[in-house]
Amino acid sequence: MANSRPKTNREKVIESLSVLSKQVIGTNQLGVSANAIAKEIKIQRSTVSLYLNELVRNGEAVKINTRPVYFLDASFYRKNKNNIPQVAQYVENEELIQGEIDPFEELVGSDGSLKDVVDQIKSAVIYPPRGLSTLLVGESGVGKSFIANLAYKFAQQEGLVTGKWVVLNCAEYADNPELLSSILFGNVKGAFTGAEQDKDGLLKAAANGYLFLDEVHRLNPENQEKLFQYMDKGTYRRVGETNTIQRSNARLIFATTEKQNADFLQTFLRRIPLVIQIPDFQERTRKERIDLITMLFFKESQTILRDFKISSEVVQTLIQNIDKGNVGKLASIVKLTCAEALLKTNSKEKTIRIKLDSLPRDFLRESDIKNVSPDKNYEIQIHFESEHIKSRNTIERDHLYKFTNELIQLVLKINMESLSDKQFYSEIGKIENDIIDYLSFELRKTKSNAFSEYVEQTLKSILSNLYLNIGISQFNSSANLLTKLVIYINDYEDDQEIFKLNESVLIIKKRFPDEAQLADRIVSAIQNQFEVHNVALYQILVFSFIYSQNQKMIDRENNAIIITHGYSTAESLASTVNRLLGSYVYESFDMPLDASVDDIVREIKTYFKTIDIEKPLIILVDMGSLKDLDQRLKKIYQGTIAIISGVSTEIALDIGNKIVQNNINKVALRKSVELAAPQLTMVEPPKRQNVILTTCITGIGAATYLQKLIQDNTNGKIKVISKDFYELKQNGLKDQVFNEYHVRIIVGTDDPNIPEIPYLSVEGLINRDIGDSVFMSAFPNNFTTDGLKKMNQRIVRAFTVDNIASNMTALSPNATVQQVENGVTKLERSLGTKLDVYLKINLYMHLCFMFERVVQEEPNMDYQNVGQFIQQHRHFVEITEDALSDMQHYYSVKIPVSEIGFIYDILKNRVDLSTIE
């Protein structure tokens, strides 16, 4: 028996991961480390890491991002979640398992500048029955192909496609349109020289999947026509095919560098409902540009298997000088840069240093490096094995070190006696106000979570224990802000050296021992909770917060607090007013919405232990639910208590100013309350009448008929107006009718595609299962179920042939009705189908009005591209002319092809016309 093939290293890693994963059950282990597998199969750990991360990306493994990193076989994890609870707490949700992660998370900017792009593409993918054809527009290299492929992955994940991802770059065959047509649609044997056998095209290959056509503007007009026929009907013919029709359900995504290209047929563009503009590299946010640079260097580190240290100058040069070529050019430059740096690096060195001279010379010659600042640090460090990235690439980190350096300069100045204590306090206060402003209003908002709540409780406890020694309050105004500061430092600190930082901390400890002691206690507690890289950084920032708050707590003749319901409401108000007053006046209490007076009293009693309770107490509250507070507090507070409801910034500022000036009494309080009485200002929207809008693809005449029909059957309670279909479709919400009226429903024979307003087809108008819900939603005060039933009965009666004819003015109703009915019957036979009742009513209405127009020599000649319609639908024209020949003969008229085009449009989305093409 022949020896079996030896296993590859990849296969060994997969097998070992599977075996070792099973051993996790019944233990406290979180998974299998790369080192354990390396020892098991005796290959290098770096090679194991490479394969494990590849398995994670392919959805074959789960990664637990602890230190060290652990892995589990993905299928094992899914089957045994309940048996390994120690892992579940780290894998918080299923999105951590590759294959269930949203594919668009790979896209830098998916939650930023590309969020709208992603939302539109997802909408197009899930739109039934087989998505919406989409055109991506953007300069070369912006990532159109990458985004299109993510759409396919998203469709796969949603279970909408099972077929292949097929790509064709139309530019490669632009000079040979016949070959391009063969590749795209296929050909039959003998269709052209060299066509020796039947061959299917890419449309067939992409069945149940996606066909991506890049550089689609390079398609010639004939191929564009074939494509939009496919988009209309899902059918096409191979090159040289005459009798057989091919079908496919391949979804289409197109890409082009410019939508306004003369090579595009307007009829082709009209078949593409969604056109999405992809922003250029320089249109992306600064953070996204740096993230893209980081991502590309990270990919190269995984290929080369070496650590990278990319200098700040390189990052800044790339940020500022990638214009033409966009992300595609950036990727090429990064690859060449890594190759150059690798060449210059000793093979024994673990880290490759990327400097300015590593960049391609051509790119450097074309680049403007005058704006590269030595003061800005955007250095990126990448560790390929752990996949750890250290990057000083955010505004948040820049601000952290800017604030720190400003504080260091102040400390050095007071040490040199260049500042008085009063000046030092004033300058510290300014910096601290800037920090609080930044944390409260500019820093990206993050939701409160268990970690932040735990940190806040820890800080409250520390501040409470040391309050009597230092004088700083332990309640919301201080603890909440200090929590924000600590979490901010934790999120953005790194191991960069800060000039004179340690020296400044020693000066602080010597000159301000009380505040420094409290800062040390807080930082020590923080160290017990999470990893702290730079202790001195925490010390100087926490000290500045404590010092500025402590100095503001000047002894007052009154105590003052603000109590509100809701998270951070009182804290935010108190903080704002205290800062405007330049002094610590108000303490704050944020209470849950369902908090009782007992809960509030319990919280305030703790606060009373830290203040002089014989001084007058002013309480600002937000709502009347605290009306019993005075009776409860007078039993535990010895001073005078004043409670003012309806707290606002205005009244808090006015009363706070009087407290600062020690100029507060009953008269002053009453005056403050009177002056703060709420003022009413109303801004009313322009009154627009609610209306129903009717429209019809065959002309304003039919729309006017629909208008009269609905108006008569709503007892005149609702205004109904009519509008030309093509004008409405072209203008969308910009049409003047939407400025003049509040359009609640559009009723018509075809959808003008205005997503913001519900559309009701003629069929839906008749069908109560559809129409009732639309009317009830749009006009809930005008319709009842019984009323809709009666209206529906009247509308159905109004749609009988007799009533349609009775609205005609030029022709004999009875003769016209009979002719129309006979013509529709002949048309049904020719098409080989029976029209449903709704479509028949629609067609009857159209044909009656059409013949009246033609007889009066006023045919509708506005059908677009009549010549093209004749060329593509010649057989339909012949069938329709034959079906209506008796009527033409009877009235001695000739129906123009433009009118037949409208008949085709009525039928095309409701009847399979492919058999006659």
Foldseek 3Di string as FASTA:
>chain_A
DDDDDDDDPLVLLLVLQAVQQVVLFPHLDQAAQLVNSCVVVVDDSLVSLLSQVVCQQVLQKAWQQDVVIHIHGRVVCVVCVVRRVSNCVRVVDPLSRHLLPQLCVVPQQCVHPCVVVVVVLQQQCPPPDGGFAEEEAAAAQLCPVVVVVSSQSNSVSVVQFDADEAEDELVVCLVPLLVVLCQAAWAADPLDPPRHHTTGHVQARQARGAYEYEQVLSHAPVVLVQVLVCLLFQWGDHRPDDADIDGGSHHYYYYHHDPPDPSDDVSSVVSRPYYHYRDFLLVGDQLSNLVLLQVLLLVVCSVVVAKEKEWLLVSVQSSPQPGHNGSNVSSVQSVQLVVQQVVVDDPPDRYGYRDPVSTDPVSVVRTDSPPRDPVDGFIWIANNSSRDIDTCRDPLLVLLLVLLVQLLVLLVCVVVVVDDPVRSLVSLLVSVVVVLCCLVPPPPDDDDDPVLVVLLVVQLVLCLVCCVVQVFHSDDLQSVSVSSVVVSCVVRPDQDDDPCLVVSLVSCCVPPVSLLVSQVVSLVVVVVVDPDNDSSSSSSVSSSSSSNQSVQADDFLEAEEEEEEDPCPRSVLQNVLCVVLSHNHYDYDYHHPPDALVNVVVVVLSVPVSDDLQGEYEYEYEDDRCVCNVVVVVVPGNHHYHYHYNDDSQLCNQVSNCRVVNNDDPVSNVVSNVVVPDDDDDDDDDDAAEAEEEEEQQDQVLSVVVQVLVCVLLVNPHHYYYDYLVVCLVCACVDVVVVRHVYAEYEYLDDSPNVVHHYAYLVLLLDCVRVVVSCCVSCVPRDDPVSSVVSSVSSVVCLDLQNLLVPDDPDDSVVLSVLQVQLVVQLCVVQVHDDDPSLSSVSSNLSSVQVSCQLVVNHDPPQPPLVVCCVVPVQLLVSSCVSNVVVCVVSVTDRDSSSSVSVCVSCSVPGNNVNRD
